[in-house]
Amino acid sequence: ASLVKETDVFLVQHSSGTTGLQKPIA
C-alpha cells in the first residue's frame, strides 16, 4: 500500500447510463 503513487488510479466511477451506455471514469 505504501508503494502506491498519487498518480495511480484510485477508483473507477461509472456514469448512470440514463442517456446512453454507462461510461467509466478513472
mmCIF file of all heavy atoms, coordinates in Angstrom:
data_MODEL
# 
_entry.id   MODEL 
# 
loop_
_atom_site.group_PDB 
_atom_site.id 
_atom_site.type_symbol 
_atom_site.label_atom_id 
_atom_site.label_alt_id 
_atom_site.label_comp_id 
_atom_site.label_asym_id 
_atom_site.label_entity_id 
_atom_site.label_seq_id 
_atom_site.pdbx_PDB_ins_code 
_atom_site.Cartn_x 
_atom_site.Cartn_y 
_atom_site.Cartn_z 
_atom_site.occupancy 
_atom_site.B_iso_or_equiv 
_atom_site.pdbx_formal_charge 
_atom_site.auth_seq_id 
_atom_site.auth_comp_id 
_atom_site.auth_asym_id 
_atom_site.auth_atom_id 
_atom_site.pdbx_PDB_model_num 
ATOM 1   N N   . ALA A 1 1  ? 0.829   -1.203 0.000   1.00 0.00 ? 1  ALA A N   1 
ATOM 2   C CA  . ALA A 1 1  ? 0.000   0.000  0.000   1.00 0.00 ? 1  ALA A CA  1 
ATOM 3   C C   . ALA A 1 1  ? 0.866   1.257  0.000   1.00 0.00 ? 1  ALA A C   1 
ATOM 4   O O   . ALA A 1 1  ? 0.511   2.277  -0.601  1.00 0.00 ? 1  ALA A O   1 
ATOM 5   C CB  . ALA A 1 1  ? -0.931  -0.006 1.218   1.00 0.00 ? 1  ALA A CB  1 
ATOM 6   N N   . SER A 1 2  ? 2.021   1.174  0.665   1.00 0.00 ? 2  SER A N   1 
ATOM 7   C CA  . SER A 1 2  ? 2.915   2.330  0.742   1.00 0.00 ? 2  SER A CA  1 
ATOM 8   C C   . SER A 1 2  ? 3.592   2.634  -0.594  1.00 0.00 ? 2  SER A C   1 
ATOM 9   O O   . SER A 1 2  ? 4.133   3.725  -0.790  1.00 0.00 ? 2  SER A O   1 
ATOM 10  C CB  . SER A 1 2  ? 3.977   2.114  1.816   1.00 0.00 ? 2  SER A CB  1 
ATOM 11  O OG  . SER A 1 2  ? 4.874   1.081  1.434   1.00 0.00 ? 2  SER A OG  1 
ATOM 12  N N   . LEU A 1 3  ? 3.561   1.671  -1.515  1.00 0.00 ? 3  LEU A N   1 
ATOM 13  C CA  . LEU A 1 3  ? 4.196   1.859  -2.819  1.00 0.00 ? 3  LEU A CA  1 
ATOM 14  C C   . LEU A 1 3  ? 3.262   2.508  -3.842  1.00 0.00 ? 3  LEU A C   1 
ATOM 15  O O   . LEU A 1 3  ? 3.696   2.887  -4.924  1.00 0.00 ? 3  LEU A O   1 
ATOM 16  C CB  . LEU A 1 3  ? 4.688   0.509  -3.370  1.00 0.00 ? 3  LEU A CB  1 
ATOM 17  C CG  . LEU A 1 3  ? 5.761   -0.203 -2.547  1.00 0.00 ? 3  LEU A CG  1 
ATOM 18  C CD1 . LEU A 1 3  ? 6.086   -1.558 -3.159  1.00 0.00 ? 3  LEU A CD1 1 
ATOM 19  C CD2 . LEU A 1 3  ? 7.015   0.655  -2.419  1.00 0.00 ? 3  LEU A CD2 1 
ATOM 20  N N   . VAL A 1 4  ? 1.990   2.629  -3.483  1.00 0.00 ? 4  VAL A N   1 
ATOM 21  C CA  . VAL A 1 4  ? 1.028   3.263  -4.391  1.00 0.00 ? 4  VAL A CA  1 
ATOM 22  C C   . VAL A 1 4  ? 1.379   4.737  -4.537  1.00 0.00 ? 4  VAL A C   1 
ATOM 23  O O   . VAL A 1 4  ? 1.680   5.422  -3.559  1.00 0.00 ? 4  VAL A O   1 
ATOM 24  C CB  . VAL A 1 4  ? -0.416  3.097  -3.853  1.00 0.00 ? 4  VAL A CB  1 
ATOM 25  C CG1 . VAL A 1 4  ? -1.402  3.876  -4.709  1.00 0.00 ? 4  VAL A CG1 1 
ATOM 26  C CG2 . VAL A 1 4  ? -0.795  1.622  -3.815  1.00 0.00 ? 4  VAL A CG2 1 
ATOM 27  N N   . LYS A 1 5  ? 1.326   5.240  -5.757  1.00 0.00 ? 5  LYS A N   1 
ATOM 28  C CA  . LYS A 1 5  ? 1.688   6.634  -6.040  1.00 0.00 ? 5  LYS A CA  1 
ATOM 29  C C   . LYS A 1 5  ? 0.446   7.498  -6.169  1.00 0.00 ? 5  LYS A C   1 
ATOM 30  O O   . LYS A 1 5  ? -0.646  7.003  -6.474  1.00 0.00 ? 5  LYS A O   1 
ATOM 31  C CB  . LYS A 1 5  ? 2.515   6.708  -7.329  1.00 0.00 ? 5  LYS A CB  1 
ATOM 32  C CG  . LYS A 1 5  ? 3.813   5.906  -7.290  1.00 0.00 ? 5  LYS A CG  1 
ATOM 33  C CD  . LYS A 1 5  ? 4.667   6.127  -8.526  1.00 0.00 ? 5  LYS A CD  1 
ATOM 34  C CE  . LYS A 1 5  ? 4.013   5.606  -9.788  1.00 0.00 ? 5  LYS A CE  1 
ATOM 35  N NZ  . LYS A 1 5  ? 3.919   4.123  -9.793  1.00 0.00 ? 5  LYS A NZ  1 
ATOM 36  N N   . GLU A 1 6  ? 0.608   8.796  -5.946  1.00 0.00 ? 6  GLU A N   1 
ATOM 37  C CA  . GLU A 1 6  ? -0.523  9.717  -6.024  1.00 0.00 ? 6  GLU A CA  1 
ATOM 38  C C   . GLU A 1 6  ? -1.126  9.782  -7.421  1.00 0.00 ? 6  GLU A C   1 
ATOM 39  O O   . GLU A 1 6  ? -2.299  10.100 -7.587  1.00 0.00 ? 6  GLU A O   1 
ATOM 40  C CB  . GLU A 1 6  ? -0.103  11.122 -5.585  1.00 0.00 ? 6  GLU A CB  1 
ATOM 41  C CG  . GLU A 1 6  ? 0.949   11.776 -6.457  1.00 0.00 ? 6  GLU A CG  1 
ATOM 42  C CD  . GLU A 1 6  ? 1.285   13.181 -5.995  1.00 0.00 ? 6  GLU A CD  1 
ATOM 43  O OE1 . GLU A 1 6  ? 0.400   13.851 -5.415  1.00 0.00 ? 6  GLU A OE1 1 
ATOM 44  O OE2 . GLU A 1 6  ? 2.426   13.611 -6.202  1.00 0.00 ? 6  GLU A OE2 1 
ATOM 45  N N   . THR A 1 7  ? -0.336  9.463  -8.430  1.00 0.00 ? 7  THR A N   1 
ATOM 46  C CA  . THR A 1 7  ? -0.833  9.490  -9.812  1.00 0.00 ? 7  THR A CA  1 
ATOM 47  C C   . THR A 1 7  ? -1.502  8.183  -10.223 1.00 0.00 ? 7  THR A C   1 
ATOM 48  O O   . THR A 1 7  ? -2.025  8.073  -11.334 1.00 0.00 ? 7  THR A O   1 
ATOM 49  C CB  . THR A 1 7  ? 0.329   9.792  -10.777 1.00 0.00 ? 7  THR A CB  1 
ATOM 50  O OG1 . THR A 1 7  ? 1.398   8.879  -10.520 1.00 0.00 ? 7  THR A OG1 1 
ATOM 51  C CG2 . THR A 1 7  ? 0.822   11.225 -10.600 1.00 0.00 ? 7  THR A CG2 1 
ATOM 52  N N   . ASP A 1 8  ? -1.478  7.183  -9.342  1.00 0.00 ? 8  ASP A N   1 
ATOM 53  C CA  . ASP A 1 8  ? -2.154  5.916  -9.641  1.00 0.00 ? 8  ASP A CA  1 
ATOM 54  C C   . ASP A 1 8  ? -3.666  6.106  -9.560  1.00 0.00 ? 8  ASP A C   1 
ATOM 55  O O   . ASP A 1 8  ? -4.180  6.947  -8.801  1.00 0.00 ? 8  ASP A O   1 
ATOM 56  C CB  . ASP A 1 8  ? -1.739  4.837  -8.635  1.00 0.00 ? 8  ASP A CB  1 
ATOM 57  C CG  . ASP A 1 8  ? -0.324  4.335  -8.879  1.00 0.00 ? 8  ASP A CG  1 
ATOM 58  O OD1 . ASP A 1 8  ? 0.231   4.626  -9.958  1.00 0.00 ? 8  ASP A OD1 1 
ATOM 59  O OD2 . ASP A 1 8  ? 0.220   3.660  -7.978  1.00 0.00 ? 8  ASP A OD2 1 
ATOM 60  N N   . VAL A 1 9  ? -4.379  5.303  -10.324 1.00 0.00 ? 9  VAL A N   1 
ATOM 61  C CA  . VAL A 1 9  ? -5.848  5.342  -10.257 1.00 0.00 ? 9  VAL A CA  1 
ATOM 62  C C   . VAL A 1 9  ? -6.306  4.811  -8.909  1.00 0.00 ? 9  VAL A C   1 
ATOM 63  O O   . VAL A 1 9  ? -5.781  3.811  -8.399  1.00 0.00 ? 9  VAL A O   1 
ATOM 64  C CB  . VAL A 1 9  ? -6.458  4.506  -11.404 1.00 0.00 ? 9  VAL A CB  1 
ATOM 65  C CG1 . VAL A 1 9  ? -7.981  4.427  -11.260 1.00 0.00 ? 9  VAL A CG1 1 
ATOM 66  C CG2 . VAL A 1 9  ? -6.089  5.114  -12.753 1.00 0.00 ? 9  VAL A CG2 1 
ATOM 67  N N   . PHE A 1 10 ? -7.269  5.512  -8.315  1.00 0.00 ? 10 PHE A N   1 
ATOM 68  C CA  . PHE A 1 10 ? -7.820  5.106  -7.020  1.00 0.00 ? 10 PHE A CA  1 
ATOM 69  C C   . PHE A 1 10 ? -9.137  4.357  -7.188  1.00 0.00 ? 10 PHE A C   1 
ATOM 70  O O   . PHE A 1 10 ? -9.372  3.334  -6.552  1.00 0.00 ? 10 PHE A O   1 
ATOM 71  C CB  . PHE A 1 10 ? -8.032  6.330  -6.127  1.00 0.00 ? 10 PHE A CB  1 
ATOM 72  C CG  . PHE A 1 10 ? -8.893  6.058  -4.933  1.00 0.00 ? 10 PHE A CG  1 
ATOM 73  C CD1 . PHE A 1 10 ? -8.426  5.295  -3.891  1.00 0.00 ? 10 PHE A CD1 1 
ATOM 74  C CD2 . PHE A 1 10 ? -10.196 6.550  -4.853  1.00 0.00 ? 10 PHE A CD2 1 
ATOM 75  C CE1 . PHE A 1 10 ? -9.223  5.013  -2.788  1.00 0.00 ? 10 PHE A CE1 1 
ATOM 76  C CE2 . PHE A 1 10 ? -10.999 6.282  -3.759  1.00 0.00 ? 10 PHE A CE2 1 
ATOM 77  C CZ  . PHE A 1 10 ? -10.516 5.517  -2.726  1.00 0.00 ? 10 PHE A CZ  1 
ATOM 78  N N   . LEU A 1 11 ? -10.020 4.884  -8.026  1.00 0.00 ? 11 LEU A N   1 
ATOM 79  C CA  . LEU A 1 11 ? -11.325 4.259  -8.203  1.00 0.00 ? 11 LEU A CA  1 
ATOM 80  C C   . LEU A 1 11 ? -11.792 4.408  -9.644  1.00 0.00 ? 11 LEU A C   1 
ATOM 81  O O   . LEU A 1 11 ? -11.291 5.251  -10.396 1.00 0.00 ? 11 LEU A O   1 
ATOM 82  C CB  . LEU A 1 11 ? -12.362 4.839  -7.243  1.00 0.00 ? 11 LEU A CB  1 
ATOM 83  C CG  . LEU A 1 11 ? -12.861 6.274  -7.450  1.00 0.00 ? 11 LEU A CG  1 
ATOM 84  C CD1 . LEU A 1 11 ? -14.068 6.303  -8.390  1.00 0.00 ? 11 LEU A CD1 1 
ATOM 85  C CD2 . LEU A 1 11 ? -13.237 6.918  -6.129  1.00 0.00 ? 11 LEU A CD2 1 
ATOM 86  N N   . VAL A 1 12 ? -12.752 3.570  -10.002 1.00 0.00 ? 12 VAL A N   1 
ATOM 87  C CA  . VAL A 1 12 ? -13.416 3.676  -11.298 1.00 0.00 ? 12 VAL A CA  1 
ATOM 88  C C   . VAL A 1 12 ? -14.871 4.024  -11.023 1.00 0.00 ? 12 VAL A C   1 
ATOM 89  O O   . VAL A 1 12 ? -15.585 3.256  -10.377 1.00 0.00 ? 12 VAL A O   1 
ATOM 90  C CB  . VAL A 1 12 ? -13.314 2.367  -12.100 1.00 0.00 ? 12 VAL A CB  1 
ATOM 91  C CG1 . VAL A 1 12 ? -14.081 2.492  -13.416 1.00 0.00 ? 12 VAL A CG1 1 
ATOM 92  C CG2 . VAL A 1 12 ? -11.853 2.023  -12.370 1.00 0.00 ? 12 VAL A CG2 1 
ATOM 93  N N   . GLN A 1 13 ? -15.275 5.194  -11.480 1.00 0.00 ? 13 GLN A N   1 
ATOM 94  C CA  . GLN A 1 13 ? -16.646 5.661  -11.268 1.00 0.00 ? 13 GLN A CA  1 
ATOM 95  C C   . GLN A 1 13 ? -17.399 5.577  -12.587 1.00 0.00 ? 13 GLN A C   1 
ATOM 96  O O   . GLN A 1 13 ? -16.890 5.994  -13.631 1.00 0.00 ? 13 GLN A O   1 
ATOM 97  C CB  . GLN A 1 13 ? -16.641 7.112  -10.753 1.00 0.00 ? 13 GLN A CB  1 
ATOM 98  C CG  . GLN A 1 13 ? -18.011 7.701  -10.502 1.00 0.00 ? 13 GLN A CG  1 
ATOM 99  C CD  . GLN A 1 13 ? -18.693 7.111  -9.274  1.00 0.00 ? 13 GLN A CD  1 
ATOM 100 O OE1 . GLN A 1 13 ? -18.151 6.208  -8.628  1.00 0.00 ? 13 GLN A OE1 1 
ATOM 101 N NE2 . GLN A 1 13 ? -19.859 7.605  -8.942  1.00 0.00 ? 13 GLN A NE2 1 
ATOM 102 N N   . HIS A 1 14 ? -18.607 5.005  -12.562 1.00 0.00 ? 14 HIS A N   1 
ATOM 103 C CA  . HIS A 1 14 ? -19.407 4.860  -13.777 1.00 0.00 ? 14 HIS A CA  1 
ATOM 104 C C   . HIS A 1 14 ? -20.540 5.878  -13.806 1.00 0.00 ? 14 HIS A C   1 
ATOM 105 O O   . HIS A 1 14 ? -21.155 6.164  -12.781 1.00 0.00 ? 14 HIS A O   1 
ATOM 106 C CB  . HIS A 1 14 ? -19.994 3.451  -13.872 1.00 0.00 ? 14 HIS A CB  1 
ATOM 107 C CG  . HIS A 1 14 ? -18.979 2.399  -14.200 1.00 0.00 ? 14 HIS A CG  1 
ATOM 108 N ND1 . HIS A 1 14 ? -18.185 1.814  -13.242 1.00 0.00 ? 14 HIS A ND1 1 
ATOM 109 C CD2 . HIS A 1 14 ? -18.605 1.843  -15.380 1.00 0.00 ? 14 HIS A CD2 1 
ATOM 110 C CE1 . HIS A 1 14 ? -17.380 0.926  -13.819 1.00 0.00 ? 14 HIS A CE1 1 
ATOM 111 N NE2 . HIS A 1 14 ? -17.615 0.932  -15.102 1.00 0.00 ? 14 HIS A NE2 1 
ATOM 112 N N   . SER A 1 15 ? -20.805 6.398  -14.992 1.00 0.00 ? 15 SER A N   1 
ATOM 113 C CA  . SER A 1 15 ? -21.967 7.258  -15.163 1.00 0.00 ? 15 SER A CA  1 
ATOM 114 C C   . SER A 1 15 ? -23.227 6.404  -15.030 1.00 0.00 ? 15 SER A C   1 
ATOM 115 O O   . SER A 1 15 ? -23.177 5.175  -15.086 1.00 0.00 ? 15 SER A O   1 
ATOM 116 C CB  . SER A 1 15 ? -21.924 7.940  -16.533 1.00 0.00 ? 15 SER A CB  1 
ATOM 117 O OG  . SER A 1 15 ? -21.959 6.977  -17.573 1.00 0.00 ? 15 SER A OG  1 
ATOM 118 N N   . SER A 1 16 ? -24.367 7.060  -14.883 1.00 0.00 ? 16 SER A N   1 
ATOM 119 C CA  . SER A 1 16 ? -25.612 6.332  -14.607 1.00 0.00 ? 16 SER A CA  1 
ATOM 120 C C   . SER A 1 16 ? -26.142 5.570  -15.809 1.00 0.00 ? 16 SER A C   1 
ATOM 121 O O   . SER A 1 16 ? -26.881 4.599  -15.661 1.00 0.00 ? 16 SER A O   1 
ATOM 122 C CB  . SER A 1 16 ? -26.686 7.311  -14.122 1.00 0.00 ? 16 SER A CB  1 
ATOM 123 O OG  . SER A 1 16 ? -27.023 8.216  -15.162 1.00 0.00 ? 16 SER A OG  1 
ATOM 124 N N   . GLY A 1 17 ? -25.793 6.009  -17.020 1.00 0.00 ? 17 GLY A N   1 
ATOM 125 C CA  . GLY A 1 17 ? -26.307 5.347  -18.203 1.00 0.00 ? 17 GLY A CA  1 
ATOM 126 C C   . GLY A 1 17 ? -27.707 5.776  -18.577 1.00 0.00 ? 17 GLY A C   1 
ATOM 127 O O   . GLY A 1 17 ? -28.355 5.147  -19.412 1.00 0.00 ? 17 GLY A O   1 
ATOM 128 N N   . THR A 1 18 ? -28.186 6.870  -17.975 1.00 0.00 ? 18 THR A N   1 
ATOM 129 C CA  . THR A 1 18 ? -29.541 7.327  -18.242 1.00 0.00 ? 18 THR A CA  1 
ATOM 130 C C   . THR A 1 18 ? -29.736 7.683  -19.711 1.00 0.00 ? 18 THR A C   1 
ATOM 131 O O   . THR A 1 18 ? -30.779 7.410  -20.309 1.00 0.00 ? 18 THR A O   1 
ATOM 132 C CB  . THR A 1 18 ? -29.869 8.560  -17.367 1.00 0.00 ? 18 THR A CB  1 
ATOM 133 O OG1 . THR A 1 18 ? -29.645 8.214  -16.011 1.00 0.00 ? 18 THR A OG1 1 
ATOM 134 C CG2 . THR A 1 18 ? -31.322 8.972  -17.549 1.00 0.00 ? 18 THR A CG2 1 
ATOM 135 N N   . THR A 1 19 ? -28.732 8.311  -20.326 1.00 0.00 ? 19 THR A N   1 
ATOM 136 C CA  . THR A 1 19 ? -28.860 8.783  -21.707 1.00 0.00 ? 19 THR A CA  1 
ATOM 137 C C   . THR A 1 19 ? -28.005 7.975  -22.683 1.00 0.00 ? 19 THR A C   1 
ATOM 138 O O   . THR A 1 19 ? -27.817 8.389  -23.827 1.00 0.00 ? 19 THR A O   1 
ATOM 139 C CB  . THR A 1 19 ? -28.450 10.264 -21.800 1.00 0.00 ? 19 THR A CB  1 
ATOM 140 O OG1 . THR A 1 19 ? -27.101 10.405 -21.319 1.00 0.00 ? 19 THR A OG1 1 
ATOM 141 C CG2 . THR A 1 19 ? -29.365 11.122 -20.955 1.00 0.00 ? 19 THR A CG2 1 
ATOM 142 N N   . GLY A 1 20 ? -27.484 6.838  -22.260 1.00 0.00 ? 20 GLY A N   1 
ATOM 143 C CA  . GLY A 1 20 ? -26.657 6.025  -23.153 1.00 0.00 ? 20 GLY A CA  1 
ATOM 144 C C   . GLY A 1 20 ? -25.902 4.984  -22.361 1.00 0.00 ? 20 GLY A C   1 
ATOM 145 O O   . GLY A 1 20 ? -26.263 4.655  -21.235 1.00 0.00 ? 20 GLY A O   1 
ATOM 146 N N   . LEU A 1 21 ? -24.858 4.450  -22.947 1.00 0.00 ? 21 LEU A N   1 
ATOM 147 C CA  . LEU A 1 21 ? -24.050 3.445  -22.280 1.00 0.00 ? 21 LEU A CA  1 
ATOM 148 C C   . LEU A 1 21 ? -23.361 4.035  -21.052 1.00 0.00 ? 21 LEU A C   1 
ATOM 149 O O   . LEU A 1 21 ? -22.948 5.189  -21.063 1.00 0.00 ? 21 LEU A O   1 
ATOM 150 C CB  . LEU A 1 21 ? -22.992 2.901  -23.244 1.00 0.00 ? 21 LEU A CB  1 
ATOM 151 C CG  . LEU A 1 21 ? -23.501 2.127  -24.463 1.00 0.00 ? 21 LEU A CG  1 
ATOM 152 C CD1 . LEU A 1 21 ? -22.337 1.796  -25.385 1.00 0.00 ? 21 LEU A CD1 1 
ATOM 153 C CD2 . LEU A 1 21 ? -24.240 0.870  -24.053 1.00 0.00 ? 21 LEU A CD2 1 
ATOM 154 N N   . GLN A 1 22 ? -23.269 3.219  -19.995 1.00 0.00 ? 22 GLN A N   1 
ATOM 155 C CA  . GLN A 1 22 ? -22.553 3.673  -18.808 1.00 0.00 ? 22 GLN A CA  1 
ATOM 156 C C   . GLN A 1 22 ? -21.064 3.794  -19.122 1.00 0.00 ? 22 GLN A C   1 
ATOM 157 O O   . GLN A 1 22 ? -20.468 2.901  -19.707 1.00 0.00 ? 22 GLN A O   1 
ATOM 158 C CB  . GLN A 1 22 ? -22.781 2.690  -17.658 1.00 0.00 ? 22 GLN A CB  1 
ATOM 159 C CG  . GLN A 1 22 ? -24.201 2.765  -17.104 1.00 0.00 ? 22 GLN A CG  1 
ATOM 160 C CD  . GLN A 1 22 ? -24.486 1.669  -16.122 1.00 0.00 ? 22 GLN A CD  1 
ATOM 161 O OE1 . GLN A 1 22 ? -24.644 0.530  -16.505 1.00 0.00 ? 22 GLN A OE1 1 
ATOM 162 N NE2 . GLN A 1 22 ? -24.548 2.007  -14.854 1.00 0.00 ? 22 GLN A NE2 1 
ATOM 163 N N   . LYS A 1 23 ? -20.492 4.917  -18.754 1.00 0.00 ? 23 LYS A N   1 
ATOM 164 C CA  . LYS A 1 23 ? -19.102 5.208  -19.113 1.00 0.00 ? 23 LYS A CA  1 
ATOM 165 C C   . LYS A 1 23 ? -18.237 5.226  -17.858 1.00 0.00 ? 23 LYS A C   1 
ATOM 166 O O   . LYS A 1 23 ? -18.607 5.825  -16.851 1.00 0.00 ? 23 LYS A O   1 
ATOM 167 C CB  . LYS A 1 23 ? -19.033 6.560  -19.830 1.00 0.00 ? 23 LYS A CB  1 
ATOM 168 C CG  . LYS A 1 23 ? -19.874 6.605  -21.110 1.00 0.00 ? 23 LYS A CG  1 
ATOM 169 C CD  . LYS A 1 23 ? -19.979 8.012  -21.657 1.00 0.00 ? 23 LYS A CD  1 
ATOM 170 C CE  . LYS A 1 23 ? -20.890 8.033  -22.880 1.00 0.00 ? 23 LYS A CE  1 
ATOM 171 N NZ  . LYS A 1 23 ? -22.283 7.678  -22.533 1.00 0.00 ? 23 LYS A NZ  1 
ATOM 172 N N   . PRO A 1 24 ? -17.065 4.572  -17.907 1.00 0.00 ? 24 PRO A N   1 
ATOM 173 C CA  . PRO A 1 24 ? -16.171 4.548  -16.749 1.00 0.00 ? 24 PRO A CA  1 
ATOM 174 C C   . PRO A 1 24 ? -15.245 5.755  -16.725 1.00 0.00 ? 24 PRO A C   1 
ATOM 175 O O   . PRO A 1 24 ? -14.754 6.193  -17.766 1.00 0.00 ? 24 PRO A O   1 
ATOM 176 C CB  . PRO A 1 24 ? -15.376 3.269  -16.973 1.00 0.00 ? 24 PRO A CB  1 
ATOM 177 C CG  . PRO A 1 24 ? -15.300 3.133  -18.465 1.00 0.00 ? 24 PRO A CG  1 
ATOM 178 C CD  . PRO A 1 24 ? -16.577 3.710  -19.003 1.00 0.00 ? 24 PRO A CD  1 
ATOM 179 N N   . ILE A 1 25 ? -15.032 6.297  -15.532 1.00 0.00 ? 25 ILE A N   1 
ATOM 180 C CA  . ILE A 1 25 ? -14.106 7.412  -15.340 1.00 0.00 ? 25 ILE A CA  1 
ATOM 181 C C   . ILE A 1 25 ? -13.080 6.970  -14.310 1.00 0.00 ? 25 ILE A C   1 
ATOM 182 O O   . ILE A 1 25 ? -13.431 6.530  -13.207 1.00 0.00 ? 25 ILE A O   1 
ATOM 183 C CB  . ILE A 1 25 ? -14.826 8.685  -14.846 1.00 0.00 ? 25 ILE A CB  1 
ATOM 184 C CG1 . ILE A 1 25 ? -15.851 9.177  -15.865 1.00 0.00 ? 25 ILE A CG1 1 
ATOM 185 C CG2 . ILE A 1 25 ? -13.814 9.789  -14.559 1.00 0.00 ? 25 ILE A CG2 1 
ATOM 186 C CD1 . ILE A 1 25 ? -17.237 8.663  -15.639 1.00 0.00 ? 25 ILE A CD1 1 
ATOM 187 N N   . ALA A 1 26 ? -11.803 7.046  -14.671 1.00 0.00 ? 26 ALA A N   1 
ATOM 188 C CA  . ALA A 1 26 ? -10.725 6.679  -13.753 1.00 0.00 ? 26 ALA A CA  1 
ATOM 189 C C   . ALA A 1 26 ? -10.308 7.904  -12.955 1.00 0.00 ? 26 ALA A C   1 
ATOM 190 O O   . ALA A 1 26 ? -9.966  8.938  -13.519 1.00 0.00 ? 26 ALA A O   1 
ATOM 191 C CB  . ALA A 1 26 ? -9.541  6.118  -14.530 1.00 0.00 ? 26 ALA A CB  1 
# 
